[in-house]
Amino acid sequence: MRLRFFLNIEFVCVLVVLALVTPGMVLAHGTGYRVLEQGKAVTIECYYSDGTAMAYADTIVFSPEDLKLEHQNGRTDKNGRVAFFPDTLGTWRVTVSDGIGHKIQADIQVEPGNTPPLKIQDQGSVGQSHALSAAMGISLIFNLCTVIVLMRRKKPL
């Protein structure tokens, strides 16, 4: 019994060390986008929280007139960009998904005279606290290990 307890503590310690050593893997789950409006085309640049582009991600564009039938579909380019030409005013919905759980839903407002030479609008989760995400991951690992240890105990609490 005592040997099992120490093995569980060693297991927990190894998990905590791995969580501290590899925070980059844990933090790479956020996404964001920038809207680049240029002329009559609207260009959206999609990226992960570490700054890398969401290259070749599936893209669907919906017009304000019909949010069920897609206006355009395709993929982002190697730089994570997709462009479309709005033919009506209103809020356009652009959905970008990489197929492995990262998804962006951008609502783009197209108004008359809303086409300056270059307007950059930055949206996303990049600015969120990475320390908070790491602390939550460590807490999750600790709590799961605690539940496992308590379930294996023979004495009721």
N, C-alpha and C. Protein backbone atom coordinates (compact mmCIF):
# COMPACT_ATOMS: atom_id res chain seq x y z
N MET A 1 0.83 -1.20 0.00
CA MET A 1 0.00 0.00 0.00
C MET A 1 0.87 1.25 0.00
N ARG A 2 1.89 1.26 0.84
CA ARG A 2 2.76 2.43 0.94
C ARG A 2 3.52 2.65 -0.37
N LEU A 3 3.95 1.57 -1.01
CA LEU A 3 4.67 1.68 -2.29
C LEU A 3 3.76 2.28 -3.37
N ARG A 4 2.50 1.85 -3.39
CA ARG A 4 1.54 2.39 -4.35
C ARG A 4 1.35 3.88 -4.16
N PHE A 5 1.28 4.32 -2.92
CA PHE A 5 1.08 5.74 -2.63
C PHE A 5 2.25 6.56 -3.17
N PHE A 6 3.47 6.07 -2.96
CA PHE A 6 4.64 6.81 -3.45
C PHE A 6 4.71 6.78 -4.98
N LEU A 7 4.29 5.68 -5.59
CA LEU A 7 4.27 5.64 -7.04
C LEU A 7 3.28 6.65 -7.60
N ASN A 8 2.14 6.81 -6.93
CA ASN A 8 1.16 7.81 -7.37
C ASN A 8 1.70 9.22 -7.22
N ILE A 9 2.42 9.49 -6.14
CA ILE A 9 3.01 10.81 -5.94
C ILE A 9 4.06 11.07 -7.02
N GLU A 10 4.86 10.06 -7.35
CA GLU A 10 5.84 10.23 -8.41
C GLU A 10 5.15 10.51 -9.75
N PHE A 11 4.06 9.83 -9.99
CA PHE A 11 3.31 10.04 -11.22
C PHE A 11 2.79 11.47 -11.31
N VAL A 12 2.25 11.96 -10.21
CA VAL A 12 1.74 13.34 -10.17
C VAL A 12 2.88 14.32 -10.39
N CYS A 13 4.01 14.08 -9.76
CA CYS A 13 5.17 14.98 -9.94
C CYS A 13 5.64 15.01 -11.39
N VAL A 14 5.66 13.85 -12.03
CA VAL A 14 6.07 13.80 -13.43
C VAL A 14 5.09 14.59 -14.29
N LEU A 15 3.79 14.45 -14.02
CA LEU A 15 2.80 15.21 -14.79
C LEU A 15 2.95 16.71 -14.60
N VAL A 16 3.20 17.13 -13.37
CA VAL A 16 3.37 18.56 -13.09
C VAL A 16 4.61 19.09 -13.80
N VAL A 17 5.71 18.34 -13.75
CA VAL A 17 6.94 18.77 -14.42
C VAL A 17 6.71 18.87 -15.93
N LEU A 18 6.01 17.88 -16.51
CA LEU A 18 5.72 17.94 -17.94
C LEU A 18 4.85 19.14 -18.30
N ALA A 19 3.89 19.45 -17.44
CA ALA A 19 3.03 20.61 -17.70
C ALA A 19 3.82 21.91 -17.64
N LEU A 20 4.80 21.97 -16.75
CA LEU A 20 5.61 23.19 -16.64
C LEU A 20 6.63 23.31 -17.76
N VAL A 21 7.12 22.18 -18.23
CA VAL A 21 8.16 22.19 -19.26
C VAL A 21 7.56 22.46 -20.65
N THR A 22 6.33 22.05 -20.88
CA THR A 22 5.73 22.19 -22.21
C THR A 22 4.54 23.14 -22.24
N PRO A 23 4.68 24.38 -21.76
CA PRO A 23 3.52 25.28 -21.79
C PRO A 23 3.16 25.72 -23.19
N GLY A 24 4.08 25.68 -24.12
CA GLY A 24 3.80 26.10 -25.49
C GLY A 24 2.72 25.27 -26.14
N MET A 25 2.70 23.98 -25.86
CA MET A 25 1.67 23.12 -26.42
C MET A 25 0.31 23.46 -25.85
N VAL A 26 0.27 23.78 -24.57
CA VAL A 26 -0.99 24.09 -23.92
C VAL A 26 -1.52 25.44 -24.40
N LEU A 27 -0.65 26.38 -24.68
CA LEU A 27 -1.06 27.74 -25.01
C LEU A 27 -1.40 27.94 -26.48
N ALA A 28 -1.21 26.97 -27.31
CA ALA A 28 -1.41 27.16 -28.75
C ALA A 28 -2.84 26.92 -29.19
N HIS A 29 -3.81 27.04 -28.30
CA HIS A 29 -5.18 26.71 -28.65
C HIS A 29 -6.04 27.90 -29.00
N GLY A 30 -5.58 29.13 -28.80
CA GLY A 30 -6.38 30.30 -29.11
C GLY A 30 -6.29 30.64 -30.59
N THR A 31 -7.28 31.38 -31.05
CA THR A 31 -7.28 31.86 -32.43
C THR A 31 -7.65 33.33 -32.44
N GLY A 32 -7.38 33.96 -33.53
CA GLY A 32 -7.75 35.35 -33.71
C GLY A 32 -7.83 35.69 -35.18
N TYR A 33 -8.31 36.89 -35.47
CA TYR A 33 -8.36 37.33 -36.86
C TYR A 33 -8.22 38.84 -36.95
N ARG A 34 -7.80 39.28 -38.11
CA ARG A 34 -7.73 40.70 -38.44
C ARG A 34 -8.56 40.91 -39.70
N VAL A 35 -9.31 41.99 -39.72
CA VAL A 35 -10.07 42.33 -40.91
C VAL A 35 -9.32 43.42 -41.65
N LEU A 36 -8.93 43.12 -42.88
CA LEU A 36 -8.26 44.09 -43.74
C LEU A 36 -9.23 44.46 -44.85
N GLU A 37 -9.80 45.65 -44.79
CA GLU A 37 -10.73 46.08 -45.84
C GLU A 37 -9.95 46.93 -46.82
N GLN A 38 -10.00 46.55 -48.07
CA GLN A 38 -9.21 47.26 -49.06
C GLN A 38 -10.03 47.35 -50.35
N GLY A 39 -10.41 48.56 -50.72
CA GLY A 39 -11.24 48.71 -51.91
C GLY A 39 -12.60 48.07 -51.71
N LYS A 40 -13.03 47.26 -52.69
CA LYS A 40 -14.34 46.62 -52.60
C LYS A 40 -14.26 45.22 -52.01
N ALA A 41 -13.08 44.67 -51.85
CA ALA A 41 -12.92 43.33 -51.28
C ALA A 41 -12.66 43.44 -49.78
N VAL A 42 -13.16 42.47 -49.04
CA VAL A 42 -12.88 42.37 -47.61
C VAL A 42 -11.94 41.18 -47.43
N THR A 43 -10.81 41.42 -46.80
CA THR A 43 -9.83 40.37 -46.56
C THR A 43 -9.72 40.13 -45.07
N ILE A 44 -9.73 38.86 -44.69
CA ILE A 44 -9.61 38.47 -43.28
C ILE A 44 -8.35 37.63 -43.15
N GLU A 45 -7.54 37.96 -42.15
CA GLU A 45 -6.31 37.21 -41.87
C GLU A 45 -6.52 36.47 -40.55
N CYS A 46 -6.45 35.14 -40.59
CA CYS A 46 -6.70 34.30 -39.42
C CYS A 46 -5.39 33.71 -38.90
N TYR A 47 -5.28 33.63 -37.56
CA TYR A 47 -4.03 33.16 -36.96
C TYR A 47 -4.30 32.47 -35.63
N TYR A 48 -3.33 31.67 -35.20
CA TYR A 48 -3.37 31.03 -33.89
C TYR A 48 -2.78 31.99 -32.85
N SER A 49 -2.95 31.66 -31.58
CA SER A 49 -2.48 32.57 -30.52
C SER A 49 -0.97 32.73 -30.50
N ASP A 50 -0.23 31.79 -31.09
CA ASP A 50 1.22 31.95 -31.14
C ASP A 50 1.67 32.77 -32.34
N GLY A 51 0.71 33.27 -33.14
CA GLY A 51 1.03 34.14 -34.26
C GLY A 51 1.14 33.45 -35.60
N THR A 52 1.13 32.12 -35.64
CA THR A 52 1.22 31.42 -36.92
C THR A 52 -0.12 31.49 -37.66
N ALA A 53 -0.04 31.49 -38.96
CA ALA A 53 -1.23 31.61 -39.80
C ALA A 53 -2.06 30.33 -39.78
N MET A 54 -3.38 30.48 -39.87
CA MET A 54 -4.28 29.33 -40.04
C MET A 54 -4.31 29.00 -41.53
N ALA A 55 -3.24 28.39 -42.00
CA ALA A 55 -3.08 28.12 -43.43
C ALA A 55 -4.01 27.00 -43.88
N TYR A 56 -4.63 27.18 -45.02
CA TYR A 56 -5.46 26.19 -45.71
C TYR A 56 -6.63 25.70 -44.85
N ALA A 57 -7.19 26.57 -44.04
CA ALA A 57 -8.35 26.22 -43.21
C ALA A 57 -9.63 26.40 -44.02
N ASP A 58 -10.63 25.56 -43.74
CA ASP A 58 -11.92 25.65 -44.43
C ASP A 58 -12.60 26.97 -44.09
N THR A 59 -13.19 27.60 -45.10
CA THR A 59 -13.81 28.91 -44.93
C THR A 59 -15.19 28.91 -45.56
N ILE A 60 -16.16 29.48 -44.85
CA ILE A 60 -17.51 29.66 -45.37
C ILE A 60 -17.92 31.10 -45.10
N VAL A 61 -18.46 31.77 -46.12
CA VAL A 61 -18.92 33.16 -46.00
C VAL A 61 -20.43 33.17 -46.22
N PHE A 62 -21.16 33.81 -45.29
CA PHE A 62 -22.61 33.94 -45.38
C PHE A 62 -22.97 35.41 -45.54
N SER A 63 -23.91 35.69 -46.44
CA SER A 63 -24.35 37.07 -46.65
C SER A 63 -25.39 37.43 -45.59
N PRO A 64 -25.64 38.73 -45.38
CA PRO A 64 -26.65 39.14 -44.41
C PRO A 64 -28.06 38.70 -44.82
N GLU A 65 -28.27 38.45 -46.09
CA GLU A 65 -29.59 38.08 -46.58
C GLU A 65 -29.96 36.63 -46.28
N ASP A 66 -28.96 35.76 -46.16
CA ASP A 66 -29.24 34.34 -45.92
C ASP A 66 -28.09 33.72 -45.12
N LEU A 67 -28.33 33.48 -43.83
CA LEU A 67 -27.29 32.91 -42.97
C LEU A 67 -27.27 31.38 -43.01
N LYS A 68 -28.12 30.77 -43.85
CA LYS A 68 -28.13 29.32 -43.98
C LYS A 68 -27.44 28.86 -45.27
N LEU A 69 -27.65 29.61 -46.34
CA LEU A 69 -27.05 29.26 -47.62
C LEU A 69 -25.75 30.05 -47.78
N GLU A 70 -24.66 29.34 -48.01
CA GLU A 70 -23.35 30.01 -48.09
C GLU A 70 -23.23 30.84 -49.36
N HIS A 71 -22.63 31.98 -49.21
CA HIS A 71 -22.37 32.89 -50.33
C HIS A 71 -21.08 32.47 -51.04
N GLN A 72 -20.13 31.99 -50.25
CA GLN A 72 -18.82 31.58 -50.79
C GLN A 72 -18.22 30.55 -49.85
N ASN A 73 -17.47 29.60 -50.39
CA ASN A 73 -16.71 28.68 -49.56
C ASN A 73 -15.34 28.46 -50.17
N GLY A 74 -14.44 27.96 -49.38
CA GLY A 74 -13.08 27.71 -49.87
C GLY A 74 -12.12 27.48 -48.74
N ARG A 75 -10.89 27.89 -48.94
CA ARG A 75 -9.85 27.73 -47.93
C ARG A 75 -9.05 29.02 -47.82
N THR A 76 -8.42 29.18 -46.66
CA THR A 76 -7.49 30.30 -46.52
C THR A 76 -6.24 29.98 -47.33
N ASP A 77 -5.46 30.99 -47.64
CA ASP A 77 -4.20 30.74 -48.35
C ASP A 77 -3.10 30.38 -47.35
N LYS A 78 -1.87 30.28 -47.80
CA LYS A 78 -0.78 29.87 -46.91
C LYS A 78 -0.52 30.88 -45.80
N ASN A 79 -0.99 32.13 -45.98
CA ASN A 79 -0.83 33.17 -44.96
C ASN A 79 -2.06 33.30 -44.06
N GLY A 80 -3.01 32.39 -44.20
CA GLY A 80 -4.21 32.41 -43.37
C GLY A 80 -5.22 33.46 -43.79
N ARG A 81 -5.17 33.91 -45.04
CA ARG A 81 -6.05 34.98 -45.51
C ARG A 81 -7.13 34.43 -46.43
N VAL A 82 -8.30 35.07 -46.34
CA VAL A 82 -9.41 34.78 -47.25
C VAL A 82 -10.04 36.12 -47.62
N ALA A 83 -10.48 36.26 -48.86
CA ALA A 83 -11.10 37.50 -49.33
C ALA A 83 -12.45 37.20 -49.96
N PHE A 84 -13.36 38.16 -49.83
CA PHE A 84 -14.65 38.04 -50.51
C PHE A 84 -15.11 39.43 -50.91
N PHE A 85 -16.00 39.47 -51.90
CA PHE A 85 -16.56 40.72 -52.41
C PHE A 85 -18.01 40.82 -51.98
N PRO A 86 -18.32 41.62 -50.98
CA PRO A 86 -19.71 41.75 -50.54
C PRO A 86 -20.55 42.46 -51.60
N ASP A 87 -21.73 41.90 -51.90
CA ASP A 87 -22.60 42.51 -52.90
C ASP A 87 -23.83 43.18 -52.28
N THR A 88 -23.87 43.19 -50.94
CA THR A 88 -24.96 43.84 -50.23
C THR A 88 -24.44 44.38 -48.90
N LEU A 89 -25.15 45.35 -48.35
CA LEU A 89 -24.76 45.94 -47.07
C LEU A 89 -25.31 45.09 -45.93
N GLY A 90 -24.68 45.19 -44.77
CA GLY A 90 -25.12 44.46 -43.60
C GLY A 90 -23.98 43.71 -42.94
N THR A 91 -24.35 42.78 -42.06
CA THR A 91 -23.35 42.00 -41.32
C THR A 91 -23.11 40.67 -42.02
N TRP A 92 -21.90 40.48 -42.49
CA TRP A 92 -21.48 39.24 -43.15
C TRP A 92 -20.84 38.34 -42.11
N ARG A 93 -21.13 37.06 -42.19
CA ARG A 93 -20.55 36.09 -41.25
C ARG A 93 -19.54 35.22 -41.99
N VAL A 94 -18.32 35.18 -41.43
CA VAL A 94 -17.25 34.37 -42.00
C VAL A 94 -16.85 33.34 -40.95
N THR A 95 -16.90 32.06 -41.32
CA THR A 95 -16.51 30.98 -40.42
C THR A 95 -15.27 30.31 -40.99
N VAL A 96 -14.24 30.18 -40.14
CA VAL A 96 -12.98 29.55 -40.54
C VAL A 96 -12.70 28.43 -39.55
N SER A 97 -12.45 27.22 -40.06
CA SER A 97 -12.19 26.06 -39.21
C SER A 97 -11.02 25.26 -39.78
N ASP A 98 -10.09 24.88 -38.90
CA ASP A 98 -8.94 24.10 -39.37
C ASP A 98 -9.17 22.59 -39.31
N GLY A 99 -10.34 22.17 -38.83
CA GLY A 99 -10.67 20.75 -38.82
C GLY A 99 -10.17 19.99 -37.60
N ILE A 100 -9.43 20.64 -36.72
CA ILE A 100 -8.93 19.96 -35.52
C ILE A 100 -9.34 20.69 -34.24
N GLY A 101 -10.44 21.44 -34.33
CA GLY A 101 -10.97 22.07 -33.13
C GLY A 101 -10.80 23.57 -33.03
N HIS A 102 -10.04 24.18 -33.89
CA HIS A 102 -9.87 25.63 -33.87
C HIS A 102 -10.86 26.25 -34.85
N LYS A 103 -11.67 27.19 -34.35
CA LYS A 103 -12.71 27.77 -35.20
C LYS A 103 -12.84 29.26 -34.91
N ILE A 104 -13.04 30.01 -35.96
CA ILE A 104 -13.27 31.45 -35.85
C ILE A 104 -14.61 31.75 -36.50
N GLN A 105 -15.41 32.57 -35.83
CA GLN A 105 -16.63 33.09 -36.43
C GLN A 105 -16.55 34.60 -36.37
N ALA A 106 -16.41 35.22 -37.51
CA ALA A 106 -16.24 36.67 -37.59
C ALA A 106 -17.49 37.29 -38.19
N ASP A 107 -18.03 38.30 -37.54
CA ASP A 107 -19.14 39.07 -38.08
C ASP A 107 -18.59 40.38 -38.59
N ILE A 108 -18.66 40.59 -39.89
CA ILE A 108 -18.07 41.75 -40.55
C ILE A 108 -19.18 42.69 -40.98
N GLN A 109 -19.13 43.92 -40.50
CA GLN A 109 -20.13 44.93 -40.85
C GLN A 109 -19.72 45.65 -42.14
N VAL A 110 -20.56 45.58 -43.16
CA VAL A 110 -20.32 46.28 -44.42
C VAL A 110 -21.36 47.39 -44.53
N GLU A 111 -20.90 48.63 -44.54
CA GLU A 111 -21.78 49.80 -44.60
C GLU A 111 -21.38 50.67 -45.78
N PRO A 112 -22.27 51.56 -46.22
CA PRO A 112 -21.88 52.45 -47.32
C PRO A 112 -20.73 53.35 -46.90
N GLY A 113 -19.76 53.48 -47.77
CA GLY A 113 -18.60 54.32 -47.46
C GLY A 113 -17.67 53.70 -46.44
N ASN A 114 -17.82 52.41 -46.15
CA ASN A 114 -17.00 51.73 -45.15
C ASN A 114 -15.83 51.02 -45.82
N THR A 115 -15.26 51.63 -46.84
CA THR A 115 -14.14 51.01 -47.52
C THR A 115 -12.96 51.97 -47.61
N PRO A 116 -12.29 52.25 -46.50
CA PRO A 116 -11.11 53.09 -46.55
C PRO A 116 -9.98 52.35 -47.26
N PRO A 117 -8.90 53.05 -47.62
CA PRO A 117 -7.79 52.38 -48.31
C PRO A 117 -7.27 51.16 -47.55
N LEU A 118 -7.13 51.27 -46.24
CA LEU A 118 -6.68 50.11 -45.46
C LEU A 118 -7.11 50.31 -44.02
N LYS A 119 -7.94 49.42 -43.54
CA LYS A 119 -8.42 49.48 -42.17
C LYS A 119 -8.13 48.13 -41.53
N ILE A 120 -7.44 48.14 -40.41
CA ILE A 120 -7.10 46.88 -39.74
C ILE A 120 -7.88 46.81 -38.44
N GLN A 121 -8.58 45.71 -38.27
CA GLN A 121 -9.36 45.47 -37.08
C GLN A 121 -8.88 44.14 -36.50
N ASP A 122 -8.34 44.14 -35.30
CA ASP A 122 -7.75 42.94 -34.71
C ASP A 122 -8.71 42.33 -33.70
N GLN A 123 -9.02 41.04 -33.86
CA GLN A 123 -9.91 40.33 -32.95
C GLN A 123 -9.25 39.02 -32.57
N GLY A 124 -9.51 38.54 -31.36
CA GLY A 124 -9.01 37.22 -31.02
C GLY A 124 -8.65 37.07 -29.57
N SER A 125 -8.09 35.93 -29.26
CA SER A 125 -7.78 35.57 -27.88
C SER A 125 -6.30 35.64 -27.58
N VAL A 126 -5.53 36.28 -28.44
CA VAL A 126 -4.08 36.32 -28.25
C VAL A 126 -3.73 37.10 -26.99
N GLY A 127 -4.49 38.12 -26.66
CA GLY A 127 -4.17 38.97 -25.52
C GLY A 127 -4.53 38.37 -24.17
N GLN A 128 -5.13 37.21 -24.13
CA GLN A 128 -5.51 36.61 -22.86
C GLN A 128 -4.27 36.15 -22.11
N SER A 129 -4.43 36.02 -20.81
CA SER A 129 -3.31 35.68 -19.94
C SER A 129 -2.87 34.23 -20.15
N HIS A 130 -1.62 34.06 -20.55
CA HIS A 130 -1.08 32.71 -20.71
C HIS A 130 -0.81 32.08 -19.35
N ALA A 131 -0.49 32.90 -18.35
CA ALA A 131 -0.26 32.38 -17.01
C ALA A 131 -1.53 31.76 -16.45
N LEU A 132 -2.68 32.39 -16.72
CA LEU A 132 -3.95 31.84 -16.26
C LEU A 132 -4.24 30.51 -16.93
N SER A 133 -3.98 30.41 -18.23
CA SER A 133 -4.19 29.15 -18.94
C SER A 133 -3.29 28.04 -18.40
N ALA A 134 -2.03 28.36 -18.12
CA ALA A 134 -1.11 27.37 -17.57
C ALA A 134 -1.55 26.94 -16.17
N ALA A 135 -1.99 27.89 -15.35
CA ALA A 135 -2.45 27.56 -14.00
C ALA A 135 -3.69 26.66 -14.06
N MET A 136 -4.58 26.93 -14.99
CA MET A 136 -5.77 26.09 -15.12
C MET A 136 -5.40 24.68 -15.56
N GLY A 137 -4.43 24.55 -16.45
CA GLY A 137 -3.98 23.23 -16.88
C GLY A 137 -3.36 22.43 -15.74
N ILE A 138 -2.52 23.09 -14.96
CA ILE A 138 -1.89 22.43 -13.81
C ILE A 138 -2.95 22.03 -12.79
N SER A 139 -3.92 22.91 -12.56
CA SER A 139 -5.00 22.61 -11.63
C SER A 139 -5.80 21.40 -12.10
N LEU A 140 -6.07 21.32 -13.38
CA LEU A 140 -6.81 20.18 -13.92
C LEU A 140 -6.05 18.88 -13.70
N ILE A 141 -4.77 18.88 -13.98
CA ILE A 141 -3.95 17.68 -13.78
C ILE A 141 -3.94 17.28 -12.31
N PHE A 142 -3.74 18.25 -11.43
CA PHE A 142 -3.70 17.97 -9.99
C PHE A 142 -5.04 17.39 -9.52
N ASN A 143 -6.14 17.99 -9.95
CA ASN A 143 -7.46 17.51 -9.51
C ASN A 143 -7.76 16.11 -10.04
N LEU A 144 -7.39 15.82 -11.28
CA LEU A 144 -7.60 14.47 -11.81
C LEU A 144 -6.79 13.44 -11.04
N CYS A 145 -5.55 13.77 -10.73
CA CYS A 145 -4.71 12.84 -9.97
C CYS A 145 -5.25 12.65 -8.56
N THR A 146 -5.77 13.71 -7.95
CA THR A 146 -6.35 13.60 -6.61
C THR A 146 -7.56 12.68 -6.63
N VAL A 147 -8.41 12.80 -7.64
CA VAL A 147 -9.57 11.92 -7.75
C VAL A 147 -9.14 10.47 -7.91
N ILE A 148 -8.12 10.22 -8.70
CA ILE A 148 -7.62 8.85 -8.90
C ILE A 148 -7.09 8.28 -7.59
N VAL A 149 -6.32 9.07 -6.85
CA VAL A 149 -5.77 8.61 -5.57
C VAL A 149 -6.89 8.32 -4.59
N LEU A 150 -7.88 9.20 -4.51
CA LEU A 150 -8.99 8.99 -3.57
C LEU A 150 -9.85 7.79 -3.96
N MET A 151 -10.00 7.53 -5.23
CA MET A 151 -10.80 6.38 -5.66
C MET A 151 -10.10 5.07 -5.34
N ARG A 152 -8.80 5.07 -5.30
CA ARG A 152 -8.04 3.84 -5.02
C ARG A 152 -7.90 3.56 -3.53
N ARG A 153 -8.23 4.52 -2.71
CA ARG A 153 -8.14 4.31 -1.26
C ARG A 153 -9.18 3.29 -0.83
N LYS A 154 -8.82 2.46 0.12
CA LYS A 154 -9.75 1.46 0.63
C LYS A 154 -10.62 2.03 1.74
N LYS A 155 -10.10 3.00 2.47
CA LYS A 155 -10.85 3.59 3.58
C LYS A 155 -11.76 4.69 3.06
N PRO A 156 -13.02 4.69 3.48
CA PRO A 156 -13.90 5.80 3.09
C PRO A 156 -13.51 7.07 3.84
N LEU A 157 -13.76 8.20 3.24
CA LEU A 157 -13.43 9.48 3.87
C LEU A 157 -14.39 9.82 4.97
